[in-house]
Amino acid sequence: MCQALEVSRAGYYAWLCEVETAQAKRDRELMPLIHDIFWRHRRRYGARRIAVELQAAGQSCGVDRVAKLLKNQGLKAIQPKSFRALYKKYRSARIGRITVENAIGSKF
């Protein structure tokens, strides 16, 4: 079988006897919790807010780990658009300016 798969015999048996690490096991447990929080808040919560919610629920988890798991699942929070002020000079240019003649002869 090793010849058909073109792998070494030692590599095959190492893969066969591979044990899941504690970190991988913990990540597998956290993934559904993170997914649930993310969709419960309608994609508005990012890694920081999800980490705070997990800690409030009694799950010890850092922001970096949550960010990594979000990225692995392909989840990305919606970012609000940045504020753009509409100044009067730009608004008046769009509306059109009304010019009035200098009836009293004032010098500005």
PDB file of N, CA and C in Angstrom:
ATOM      1  N   MET A   1       0.817  -1.189   0.000  1.00  0.00           N
ATOM      2  CA  MET A   1       0.000   0.000   0.000  1.00  0.00           C
ATOM      3  C   MET A   1       0.859   1.250   0.000  1.00  0.00           C
ATOM      4  N   CYS A   2       1.993   1.219   0.700  1.00  0.00           N
ATOM      5  CA  CYS A   2       2.886   2.381   0.742  1.00  0.00           C
ATOM      6  C   CYS A   2       3.431   2.700  -0.646  1.00  0.00           C
ATOM      7  N   GLN A   3       3.695   1.673  -1.443  1.00  0.00           N
ATOM      8  CA  GLN A   3       4.200   1.901  -2.796  1.00  0.00           C
ATOM      9  C   GLN A   3       3.125   2.529  -3.679  1.00  0.00           C
ATOM     10  N   ALA A   4       1.880   2.121  -3.512  1.00  0.00           N
ATOM     11  CA  ALA A   4       0.787   2.671  -4.317  1.00  0.00           C
ATOM     12  C   ALA A   4       0.560   4.144  -3.986  1.00  0.00           C
ATOM     13  N   LEU A   5       0.691   4.496  -2.707  1.00  0.00           N
ATOM     14  CA  LEU A   5       0.490   5.891  -2.285  1.00  0.00           C
ATOM     15  C   LEU A   5       1.763   6.729  -2.419  1.00  0.00           C
ATOM     16  N   GLU A   6       2.866   6.070  -2.721  1.00  0.00           N
ATOM     17  CA  GLU A   6       4.170   6.715  -2.867  1.00  0.00           C
ATOM     18  C   GLU A   6       4.590   7.474  -1.607  1.00  0.00           C
ATOM     19  N   VAL A   7       4.438   6.783  -0.466  1.00  0.00           N
ATOM     20  CA  VAL A   7       4.904   7.328   0.816  1.00  0.00           C
ATOM     21  C   VAL A   7       5.801   6.284   1.474  1.00  0.00           C
ATOM     22  N   SER A   8       6.642   6.768   2.370  1.00  0.00           N
ATOM     23  CA  SER A   8       7.521   5.831   3.062  1.00  0.00           C
ATOM     24  C   SER A   8       6.723   5.046   4.099  1.00  0.00           C
ATOM     25  N   ARG A   9       7.241   3.902   4.434  1.00  0.00           N
ATOM     26  CA  ARG A   9       6.573   3.054   5.413  1.00  0.00           C
ATOM     27  C   ARG A   9       6.540   3.733   6.784  1.00  0.00           C
ATOM     28  N   ALA A  10       7.638   4.382   7.166  1.00  0.00           N
ATOM     29  CA  ALA A  10       7.693   5.076   8.460  1.00  0.00           C
ATOM     30  C   ALA A  10       6.710   6.249   8.491  1.00  0.00           C
ATOM     31  N   GLY A  11       6.599   6.959   7.371  1.00  0.00           N
ATOM     32  CA  GLY A  11       5.671   8.080   7.299  1.00  0.00           C
ATOM     33  C   GLY A  11       4.224   7.629   7.414  1.00  0.00           C
ATOM     34  N   TYR A  12       3.906   6.518   6.797  1.00  0.00           N
ATOM     35  CA  TYR A  12       2.542   5.982   6.864  1.00  0.00           C
ATOM     36  C   TYR A  12       2.182   5.599   8.299  1.00  0.00           C
ATOM     37  N   TYR A  13       3.082   4.895   8.982  1.00  0.00           N
ATOM     38  CA  TYR A  13       2.783   4.466  10.344  1.00  0.00           C
ATOM     39  C   TYR A  13       2.798   5.638  11.326  1.00  0.00           C
ATOM     40  N   ALA A  14       3.589   6.637  11.055  1.00  0.00           N
ATOM     41  CA  ALA A  14       3.564   7.829  11.901  1.00  0.00           C
ATOM     42  C   ALA A  14       2.220   8.538  11.770  1.00  0.00           C
ATOM     43  N   TRP A  15       1.704   8.599  10.534  1.00  0.00           N
ATOM     44  CA  TRP A  15       0.395   9.215  10.301  1.00  0.00           C
ATOM     45  C   TRP A  15      -0.723   8.395  10.941  1.00  0.00           C
ATOM     46  N   LEU A  16      -0.593   7.070  10.864  1.00  0.00           N
ATOM     47  CA  LEU A  16      -1.606   6.172  11.392  1.00  0.00           C
ATOM     48  C   LEU A  16      -1.715   6.273  12.917  1.00  0.00           C
ATOM     49  N   CYS A  17      -0.593   6.440  13.599  1.00  0.00           N
ATOM     50  CA  CYS A  17      -0.570   6.473  15.062  1.00  0.00           C
ATOM     51  C   CYS A  17      -0.602   7.903  15.616  1.00  0.00           C
ATOM     52  N   GLU A  18      -0.894   8.861  14.771  1.00  0.00           N
ATOM     53  CA  GLU A  18      -0.881  10.263  15.197  1.00  0.00           C
ATOM     54  C   GLU A  18      -1.968  10.515  16.247  1.00  0.00           C
ATOM     55  N   VAL A  19      -1.584  11.218  17.310  1.00  0.00           N
ATOM     56  CA  VAL A  19      -2.497  11.532  18.403  1.00  0.00           C
ATOM     57  C   VAL A  19      -2.853  13.010  18.332  1.00  0.00           C
ATOM     58  N   GLU A  20      -4.119  13.328  18.565  1.00  0.00           N
ATOM     59  CA  GLU A  20      -4.560  14.718  18.541  1.00  0.00           C
ATOM     60  C   GLU A  20      -4.008  15.455  19.760  1.00  0.00           C
ATOM     61  N   THR A  21      -3.428  16.641  19.528  1.00  0.00           N
ATOM     62  CA  THR A  21      -2.848  17.410  20.624  1.00  0.00           C
ATOM     63  C   THR A  21      -3.956  18.058  21.451  1.00  0.00           C
ATOM     64  N   ALA A  22      -3.598  18.484  22.643  1.00  0.00           N
ATOM     65  CA  ALA A  22      -4.574  19.126  23.530  1.00  0.00           C
ATOM     66  C   ALA A  22      -5.073  20.438  22.932  1.00  0.00           C
ATOM     67  N   GLN A  23      -4.175  21.161  22.268  1.00  0.00           N
ATOM     68  CA  GLN A  23      -4.563  22.428  21.656  1.00  0.00           C
ATOM     69  C   GLN A  23      -5.542  22.196  20.497  1.00  0.00           C
ATOM     70  N   ALA A  24      -5.288  21.208  19.678  1.00  0.00           N
ATOM     71  CA  ALA A  24      -6.187  20.903  18.568  1.00  0.00           C
ATOM     72  C   ALA A  24      -7.552  20.459  19.090  1.00  0.00           C
ATOM     73  N   LYS A  25      -7.556  19.704  20.173  1.00  0.00           N
ATOM     74  CA  LYS A  25      -8.805  19.250  20.778  1.00  0.00           C
ATOM     75  C   LYS A  25      -9.602  20.440  21.318  1.00  0.00           C
ATOM     76  N   ARG A  26      -8.904  21.352  21.977  1.00  0.00           N
ATOM     77  CA  ARG A  26      -9.552  22.559  22.522  1.00  0.00           C
ATOM     78  C   ARG A  26     -10.095  23.439  21.392  1.00  0.00           C
ATOM     79  N   ASP A  27      -9.329  23.569  20.310  1.00  0.00           N
ATOM     80  CA  ASP A  27      -9.795  24.344  19.159  1.00  0.00           C
ATOM     81  C   ASP A  27     -11.060  23.724  18.564  1.00  0.00           C
ATOM     82  N   ARG A  28     -11.095  22.418  18.480  1.00  0.00           N
ATOM     83  CA  ARG A  28     -12.266  21.724  17.942  1.00  0.00           C
ATOM     84  C   ARG A  28     -13.487  21.955  18.825  1.00  0.00           C
ATOM     85  N   GLU A  29     -13.290  22.069  20.159  1.00  0.00           N
ATOM     86  CA  GLU A  29     -14.395  22.345  21.078  1.00  0.00           C
ATOM     87  C   GLU A  29     -14.872  23.794  20.970  1.00  0.00           C
ATOM     88  N   LEU A  30     -13.942  24.715  20.723  1.00  0.00           N
ATOM     89  CA  LEU A  30     -14.299  26.135  20.671  1.00  0.00           C
ATOM     90  C   LEU A  30     -14.949  26.549  19.355  1.00  0.00           C
ATOM     91  N   MET A  31     -14.651  25.852  18.286  1.00  0.00           N
ATOM     92  CA  MET A  31     -15.153  26.271  16.965  1.00  0.00           C
ATOM     93  C   MET A  31     -16.675  26.404  16.896  1.00  0.00           C
ATOM     94  N   PRO A  32     -17.465  25.444  17.386  1.00  0.00           N
ATOM     95  CA  PRO A  32     -18.914  25.646  17.319  1.00  0.00           C
ATOM     96  C   PRO A  32     -19.404  26.797  18.199  1.00  0.00           C
ATOM     97  N   LEU A  33     -18.744  27.017  19.347  1.00  0.00           N
ATOM     98  CA  LEU A  33     -19.134  28.129  20.220  1.00  0.00           C
ATOM     99  C   LEU A  33     -18.893  29.468  19.530  1.00  0.00           C
ATOM    100  N   ILE A  34     -17.731  29.589  18.900  1.00  0.00           N
ATOM    101  CA  ILE A  34     -17.386  30.824  18.192  1.00  0.00           C
ATOM    102  C   ILE A  34     -18.339  31.041  17.024  1.00  0.00           C
ATOM    103  N   HIS A  35     -18.623  29.986  16.291  1.00  0.00           N
ATOM    104  CA  HIS A  35     -19.537  30.067  15.149  1.00  0.00           C
ATOM    105  C   HIS A  35     -20.930  30.526  15.610  1.00  0.00           C
ATOM    106  N   ASP A  36     -21.396  29.987  16.730  1.00  0.00           N
ATOM    107  CA  ASP A  36     -22.708  30.340  17.260  1.00  0.00           C
ATOM    108  C   ASP A  36     -22.767  31.811  17.685  1.00  0.00           C
ATOM    109  N   ILE A  37     -21.757  32.286  18.403  1.00  0.00           N
ATOM    110  CA  ILE A  37     -21.718  33.686  18.846  1.00  0.00           C
ATOM    111  C   ILE A  37     -21.653  34.619  17.644  1.00  0.00           C
ATOM    112  N   PHE A  38     -20.844  34.261  16.669  1.00  0.00           N
ATOM    113  CA  PHE A  38     -20.674  35.097  15.477  1.00  0.00           C
ATOM    114  C   PHE A  38     -22.003  35.298  14.751  1.00  0.00           C
ATOM    115  N   TRP A  39     -22.749  34.218  14.531  1.00  0.00           N
ATOM    116  CA  TRP A  39     -24.006  34.324  13.787  1.00  0.00           C
ATOM    117  C   TRP A  39     -25.155  34.824  14.651  1.00  0.00           C
ATOM    118  N   ARG A  40     -25.083  34.610  15.967  1.00  0.00           N
ATOM    119  CA  ARG A  40     -26.122  35.125  16.860  1.00  0.00           C
ATOM    120  C   ARG A  40     -26.135  36.653  16.857  1.00  0.00           C
ATOM    121  N   HIS A  41     -24.965  37.237  16.712  1.00  0.00           N
ATOM    122  CA  HIS A  41     -24.845  38.706  16.677  1.00  0.00           C
ATOM    123  C   HIS A  41     -24.789  39.242  15.249  1.00  0.00           C
ATOM    124  N   ARG A  42     -25.248  38.454  14.311  1.00  0.00           N
ATOM    125  CA  ARG A  42     -25.410  38.841  12.909  1.00  0.00           C
ATOM    126  C   ARG A  42     -24.134  39.409  12.286  1.00  0.00           C
ATOM    127  N   ARG A  43     -23.041  38.717  12.472  1.00  0.00           N
ATOM    128  CA  ARG A  43     -21.731  39.025  11.871  1.00  0.00           C
ATOM    129  C   ARG A  43     -21.148  40.356  12.336  1.00  0.00           C
ATOM    130  N   ARG A  44     -21.629  40.906  13.436  1.00  0.00           N
ATOM    131  CA  ARG A  44     -21.126  42.192  13.930  1.00  0.00           C
ATOM    132  C   ARG A  44     -19.980  42.027  14.931  1.00  0.00           C
ATOM    133  N   TYR A  45     -19.856  40.853  15.531  1.00  0.00           N
ATOM    134  CA  TYR A  45     -18.835  40.631  16.553  1.00  0.00           C
ATOM    135  C   TYR A  45     -17.556  40.102  15.908  1.00  0.00           C
ATOM    136  N   GLY A  46     -16.441  40.742  16.259  1.00  0.00           N
ATOM    137  CA  GLY A  46     -15.136  40.283  15.817  1.00  0.00           C
ATOM    138  C   GLY A  46     -14.465  39.463  16.904  1.00  0.00           C
ATOM    139  N   ALA A  47     -13.165  39.269  16.765  1.00  0.00           N
ATOM    140  CA  ALA A  47     -12.418  38.403  17.682  1.00  0.00           C
ATOM    141  C   ALA A  47     -12.443  38.933  19.115  1.00  0.00           C
ATOM    142  N   ARG A  48     -12.324  40.245  19.286  1.00  0.00           N
ATOM    143  CA  ARG A  48     -12.270  40.803  20.647  1.00  0.00           C
ATOM    144  C   ARG A  48     -13.574  40.590  21.400  1.00  0.00           C
ATOM    145  N   ARG A  49     -14.684  40.920  20.762  1.00  0.00           N
ATOM    146  CA  ARG A  49     -15.967  40.798  21.442  1.00  0.00           C
ATOM    147  C   ARG A  49     -16.340  39.337  21.672  1.00  0.00           C
ATOM    148  N   ILE A  50     -15.996  38.464  20.742  1.00  0.00           N
ATOM    149  CA  ILE A  50     -16.277  37.045  20.920  1.00  0.00           C
ATOM    150  C   ILE A  50     -15.455  36.489  22.074  1.00  0.00           C
ATOM    151  N   ALA A  51     -14.197  36.913  22.190  1.00  0.00           N
ATOM    152  CA  ALA A  51     -13.343  36.454  23.290  1.00  0.00           C
ATOM    153  C   ALA A  51     -13.920  36.899  24.637  1.00  0.00           C
ATOM    154  N   VAL A  52     -14.430  38.116  24.700  1.00  0.00           N
ATOM    155  CA  VAL A  52     -15.035  38.614  25.944  1.00  0.00           C
ATOM    156  C   VAL A  52     -16.270  37.789  26.295  1.00  0.00           C
ATOM    157  N   GLU A  53     -17.099  37.467  25.305  1.00  0.00           N
ATOM    158  CA  GLU A  53     -18.290  36.653  25.557  1.00  0.00           C
ATOM    159  C   GLU A  53     -17.921  35.245  26.014  1.00  0.00           C
ATOM    160  N   LEU A  54     -16.899  34.667  25.405  1.00  0.00           N
ATOM    161  CA  LEU A  54     -16.469  33.332  25.821  1.00  0.00           C
ATOM    162  C   LEU A  54     -15.959  33.338  27.253  1.00  0.00           C
ATOM    163  N   GLN A  55     -15.207  34.380  27.615  1.00  0.00           N
ATOM    164  CA  GLN A  55     -14.696  34.483  28.978  1.00  0.00           C
ATOM    165  C   GLN A  55     -15.831  34.690  29.977  1.00  0.00           C
ATOM    166  N   ALA A  56     -16.860  35.438  29.580  1.00  0.00           N
ATOM    167  CA  ALA A  56     -18.023  35.635  30.450  1.00  0.00           C
ATOM    168  C   ALA A  56     -18.792  34.325  30.642  1.00  0.00           C
ATOM    169  N   ALA A  57     -18.742  33.460  29.637  1.00  0.00           N
ATOM    170  CA  ALA A  57     -19.416  32.164  29.719  1.00  0.00           C
ATOM    171  C   ALA A  57     -18.572  31.120  30.441  1.00  0.00           C
ATOM    172  N   GLY A  58     -17.368  31.487  30.842  1.00  0.00           N
ATOM    173  CA  GLY A  58     -16.512  30.562  31.591  1.00  0.00           C
ATOM    174  C   GLY A  58     -15.508  29.802  30.746  1.00  0.00           C
ATOM    175  N   GLN A  59     -15.394  30.123  29.475  1.00  0.00           N
ATOM    176  CA  GLN A  59     -14.415  29.485  28.593  1.00  0.00           C
ATOM    177  C   GLN A  59     -13.174  30.370  28.533  1.00  0.00           C
ATOM    178  N   SER A  60     -12.032  29.854  28.952  1.00  0.00           N
ATOM    179  CA  SER A  60     -10.809  30.655  28.898  1.00  0.00           C
ATOM    180  C   SER A  60     -10.247  30.594  27.480  1.00  0.00           C
ATOM    181  N   CYS A  61     -10.219  31.761  26.842  1.00  0.00           N
ATOM    182  CA  CYS A  61      -9.769  31.821  25.459  1.00  0.00           C
ATOM    183  C   CYS A  61      -9.293  33.234  25.167  1.00  0.00           C
ATOM    184  N   GLY A  62      -8.167  33.366  24.477  1.00  0.00           N
ATOM    185  CA  GLY A  62      -7.614  34.669  24.157  1.00  0.00           C
ATOM    186  C   GLY A  62      -8.075  35.178  22.801  1.00  0.00           C
ATOM    187  N   VAL A  63      -7.810  36.454  22.569  1.00  0.00           N
ATOM    188  CA  VAL A  63      -8.225  37.112  21.337  1.00  0.00           C
ATOM    189  C   VAL A  63      -7.517  36.506  20.127  1.00  0.00           C
ATOM    190  N   ASP A  64      -6.238  36.224  20.242  1.00  0.00           N
ATOM    191  CA  ASP A  64      -5.483  35.686  19.113  1.00  0.00           C
ATOM    192  C   ASP A  64      -6.000  34.306  18.686  1.00  0.00           C
ATOM    193  N   ARG A  65      -6.344  33.490  19.656  1.00  0.00           N
ATOM    194  CA  ARG A  65      -6.868  32.162  19.329  1.00  0.00           C
ATOM    195  C   ARG A  65      -8.222  32.280  18.631  1.00  0.00           C
ATOM    196  N   VAL A  66      -9.080  33.188  19.122  1.00  0.00           N
ATOM    197  CA  VAL A  66     -10.384  33.400  18.488  1.00  0.00           C
ATOM    198  C   VAL A  66     -10.189  33.913  17.065  1.00  0.00           C
ATOM    199  N   ALA A  67      -9.250  34.839  16.874  1.00  0.00           N
ATOM    200  CA  ALA A  67      -8.978  35.377  15.533  1.00  0.00           C
ATOM    201  C   ALA A  67      -8.511  34.266  14.598  1.00  0.00           C
ATOM    202  N   LYS A  68      -7.658  33.391  15.092  1.00  0.00           N
ATOM    203  CA  LYS A  68      -7.168  32.268  14.270  1.00  0.00           C
ATOM    204  C   LYS A  68      -8.307  31.332  13.882  1.00  0.00           C
ATOM    205  N   LEU A  69      -9.183  31.023  14.833  1.00  0.00           N
ATOM    206  CA  LEU A  69     -10.292  30.121  14.554  1.00  0.00           C
ATOM    207  C   LEU A  69     -11.321  30.762  13.626  1.00  0.00           C
ATOM    208  N   LEU A  70     -11.534  32.065  13.759  1.00  0.00           N
ATOM    209  CA  LEU A  70     -12.428  32.764  12.830  1.00  0.00           C
ATOM    210  C   LEU A  70     -11.873  32.694  11.410  1.00  0.00           C
ATOM    211  N   LYS A  71     -10.576  32.907  11.290  1.00  0.00           N
ATOM    212  CA  LYS A  71      -9.939  32.867   9.972  1.00  0.00           C
ATOM    213  C   LYS A  71     -10.002  31.464   9.375  1.00  0.00           C
ATOM    214  N   ASN A  72      -9.793  30.438  10.204  1.00  0.00           N
ATOM    215  CA  ASN A  72      -9.865  29.057   9.725  1.00  0.00           C
ATOM    216  C   ASN A  72     -11.257  28.706   9.213  1.00  0.00           C
ATOM    217  N   GLN A  73     -12.294  29.285   9.840  1.00  0.00           N
ATOM    218  CA  GLN A  73     -13.673  29.009   9.434  1.00  0.00           C
ATOM    219  C   GLN A  73     -14.122  29.917   8.295  1.00  0.00           C
ATOM    220  N   GLY A  74     -13.306  30.912   7.960  1.00  0.00           N
ATOM    221  CA  GLY A  74     -13.668  31.831   6.884  1.00  0.00           C
ATOM    222  C   GLY A  74     -14.691  32.868   7.300  1.00  0.00           C
ATOM    223  N   LEU A  75     -14.756  33.178   8.594  1.00  0.00           N
ATOM    224  CA  LEU A  75     -15.715  34.154   9.099  1.00  0.00           C
ATOM    225  C   LEU A  75     -15.038  35.506   9.244  1.00  0.00           C
ATOM    226  N   LYS A  76     -15.720  36.554   8.806  1.00  0.00           N
ATOM    227  CA  LYS A  76     -15.168  37.901   8.896  1.00  0.00           C
ATOM    228  C   LYS A  76     -16.291  38.854   9.279  1.00  0.00           C
ATOM    229  N   ALA A  77     -16.078  39.635  10.316  1.00  0.00           N
ATOM    230  CA  ALA A  77     -17.110  40.551  10.802  1.00  0.00           C
ATOM    231  C   ALA A  77     -17.316  41.701   9.820  1.00  0.00           C
ATOM    232  N   ILE A  78     -18.528  42.213   9.807  1.00  0.00           N
ATOM    233  CA  ILE A  78     -18.856  43.346   8.947  1.00  0.00           C
ATOM    234  C   ILE A  78     -18.302  44.611   9.589  1.00  0.00           C
ATOM    235  N   GLN A  79     -17.534  45.373   8.831  1.00  0.00           N
ATOM    236  CA  GLN A  79     -16.972  46.626   9.325  1.00  0.00           C
ATOM    237  C   GLN A  79     -17.894  47.775   8.939  1.00  0.00           C
ATOM    238  N   PRO A  80     -18.214  48.668   9.883  1.00  0.00           N
ATOM    239  CA  PRO A  80     -19.063  49.802   9.522  1.00  0.00           C
ATOM    240  C   PRO A  80     -18.322  50.759   8.607  1.00  0.00           C
ATOM    241  N   LYS A  81     -19.072  51.434   7.760  1.00  0.00           N
ATOM    242  CA  LYS A  81     -18.449  52.400   6.861  1.00  0.00           C
ATOM    243  C   LYS A  81     -17.960  53.593   7.664  1.00  0.00           C
ATOM    244  N   SER A  82     -16.869  54.179   7.227  1.00  0.00           N
ATOM    245  CA  SER A  82     -16.321  55.319   7.954  1.00  0.00           C
ATOM    246  C   SER A  82     -17.194  56.554   7.727  1.00  0.00           C
ATOM    247  N   PHE A  83     -17.180  57.448   8.703  1.00  0.00           N
ATOM    248  CA  PHE A  83     -18.001  58.651   8.667  1.00  0.00           C
ATOM    249  C   PHE A  83     -17.435  59.631   7.655  1.00  0.00           C
ATOM    250  N   ARG A  84     -18.322  60.162   6.826  1.00  0.00           N
ATOM    251  CA  ARG A  84     -17.916  61.170   5.853  1.00  0.00           C
ATOM    252  C   ARG A  84     -18.760  62.406   6.072  1.00  0.00           C
ATOM    253  N   ALA A  85     -18.137  63.511   6.453  1.00  0.00           N
ATOM    254  CA  ALA A  85     -18.869  64.743   6.689  1.00  0.00           C
ATOM    255  C   ALA A  85     -19.184  65.414   5.362  1.00  0.00           C
ATOM    256  N   LEU A  86     -20.375  65.921   5.253  1.00  0.00           N
ATOM    257  CA  LEU A  86     -20.762  66.684   4.068  1.00  0.00           C
ATOM    258  C   LEU A  86     -20.717  68.159   4.442  1.00  0.00           C
ATOM    259  N   TYR A  87     -19.672  68.828   4.066  1.00  0.00           N
ATOM    260  CA  TYR A  87     -19.503  70.229   4.418  1.00  0.00           C
ATOM    261  C   TYR A  87     -20.391  71.104   3.553  1.00  0.00           C
ATOM    262  N   LYS A  88     -20.663  72.295   4.044  1.00  0.00           N
ATOM    263  CA  LYS A  88     -21.576  73.202   3.354  1.00  0.00           C
ATOM    264  C   LYS A  88     -21.080  73.571   1.966  1.00  0.00           C
ATOM    265  N   LYS A  89     -19.774  73.733   1.816  1.00  0.00           N
ATOM    266  CA  LYS A  89     -19.275  74.140   0.505  1.00  0.00           C
ATOM    267  C   LYS A  89     -19.501  73.050  -0.547  1.00  0.00           C
ATOM    268  N   TYR A  90     -19.457  71.780  -0.112  1.00  0.00           N
ATOM    269  CA  TYR A  90     -19.706  70.703  -1.058  1.00  0.00           C
ATOM    270  C   TYR A  90     -21.203  70.568  -1.355  1.00  0.00           C
ATOM    271  N   ARG A  91     -22.029  70.787  -0.326  1.00  0.00           N
ATOM    272  CA  ARG A  91     -23.475  70.699  -0.520  1.00  0.00           C
ATOM    273  C   ARG A  91     -23.961  71.816  -1.434  1.00  0.00           C
ATOM    274  N   SER A  92     -23.437  73.028  -1.224  1.00  0.00           N
ATOM    275  CA  SER A  92     -23.897  74.150  -2.040  1.00  0.00           C
ATOM    276  C   SER A  92     -23.461  73.981  -3.498  1.00  0.00           C
ATOM    277  N   ALA A  93     -22.338  73.321  -3.715  1.00  0.00           N
ATOM    278  CA  ALA A  93     -21.886  73.090  -5.081  1.00  0.00           C
ATOM    279  C   ALA A  93     -22.825  72.119  -5.802  1.00  0.00           C
ATOM    280  N   ARG A  94     -23.384  71.184  -5.056  1.00  0.00           N
ATOM    281  CA  ARG A  94     -24.300  70.236  -5.663  1.00  0.00           C
ATOM    282  C   ARG A  94     -25.672  70.873  -5.910  1.00  0.00           C
ATOM    283  N   ILE A  95     -26.129  71.688  -4.991  1.00  0.00           N
ATOM    284  CA  ILE A  95     -27.462  72.273  -5.104  1.00  0.00           C
ATOM    285  C   ILE A  95     -27.468  73.400  -6.136  1.00  0.00           C
ATOM    286  N   GLY A  96     -26.411  74.165  -6.183  1.00  0.00           N
ATOM    287  CA  GLY A  96     -26.353  75.311  -7.076  1.00  0.00           C
ATOM    288  C   GLY A  96     -26.433  76.590  -6.263  1.00  0.00           C
ATOM    289  N   ARG A  97     -25.634  77.556  -6.603  1.00  0.00           N
ATOM    290  CA  ARG A  97     -25.607  78.803  -5.837  1.00  0.00           C
ATOM    291  C   ARG A  97     -26.455  79.868  -6.523  1.00  0.00           C
ATOM    292  N   ILE A  98     -27.074  80.676  -5.693  1.00  0.00           N
ATOM    293  CA  ILE A  98     -27.856  81.804  -6.188  1.00  0.00           C
ATOM    294  C   ILE A  98     -27.026  83.054  -5.956  1.00  0.00           C
ATOM    295  N   THR A  99     -26.774  83.810  -7.001  1.00  0.00           N
ATOM    296  CA  THR A  99     -26.000  85.033  -6.854  1.00  0.00           C
ATOM    297  C   THR A  99     -26.927  86.252  -6.922  1.00  0.00           C
ATOM    298  N   VAL A 100     -26.653  87.214  -6.069  1.00  0.00           N
ATOM    299  CA  VAL A 100     -27.455  88.429  -5.999  1.00  0.00           C
ATOM    300  C   VAL A 100     -26.519  89.619  -6.257  1.00  0.00           C
ATOM    301  N   GLU A 101     -26.988  90.580  -7.038  1.00  0.00           N
ATOM    302  CA  GLU A 101     -26.174  91.762  -7.336  1.00  0.00           C
ATOM    303  C   GLU A 101     -25.997  92.605  -6.087  1.00  0.00           C
ATOM    304  N   ASN A 102     -24.905  93.350  -6.048  1.00  0.00           N
ATOM    305  CA  ASN A 102     -24.595  94.231  -4.920  1.00  0.00           C
ATOM    306  C   ASN A 102     -25.418  95.517  -5.082  1.00  0.00           C
ATOM    307  N   ALA A 103     -26.601  95.540  -4.471  1.00  0.00           N
ATOM    308  CA  ALA A 103     -27.550  96.654  -4.653  1.00  0.00           C
ATOM    309  C   ALA A 103     -27.136  97.888  -3.884  1.00  0.00           C
ATOM    310  N   ILE A 104     -26.479  97.744  -2.734  1.00  0.00           N
ATOM    311  CA  ILE A 104     -26.151  98.936  -1.917  1.00  0.00           C
ATOM    312  C   ILE A 104     -24.697  99.373  -2.095  1.00  0.00           C
ATOM    313  N   GLY A 105     -23.938  98.705  -2.899  1.00  0.00           N
ATOM    314  CA  GLY A 105     -22.564  99.113  -3.193  1.00  0.00           C
ATOM    315  C   GLY A 105     -21.580  98.787  -2.085  1.00  0.00           C
ATOM    316  N   SER A 106     -21.802  97.737  -1.319  1.00  0.00           N
ATOM    317  CA  SER A 106     -20.878  97.331  -0.256  1.00  0.00           C
ATOM    318  C   SER A 106     -19.627  96.716  -0.858  1.00  0.00           C
ATOM    319  N   LYS A 107     -18.510  96.986  -0.201  1.00  0.00           N
ATOM    320  CA  LYS A 107     -17.242  96.390  -0.634  1.00  0.00           C
ATOM    321  C   LYS A 107     -16.851  95.326   0.378  1.00  0.00           C
ATOM    322  N   PHE A 108     -16.802  94.107  -0.069  1.00  0.00           N
ATOM    323  CA  PHE A 108     -16.454  93.004   0.814  1.00  0.00           C
ATOM    324  C   PHE A 108     -15.014  92.646   0.692  1.00  0.00           C
TER     325      PHE A 108
END
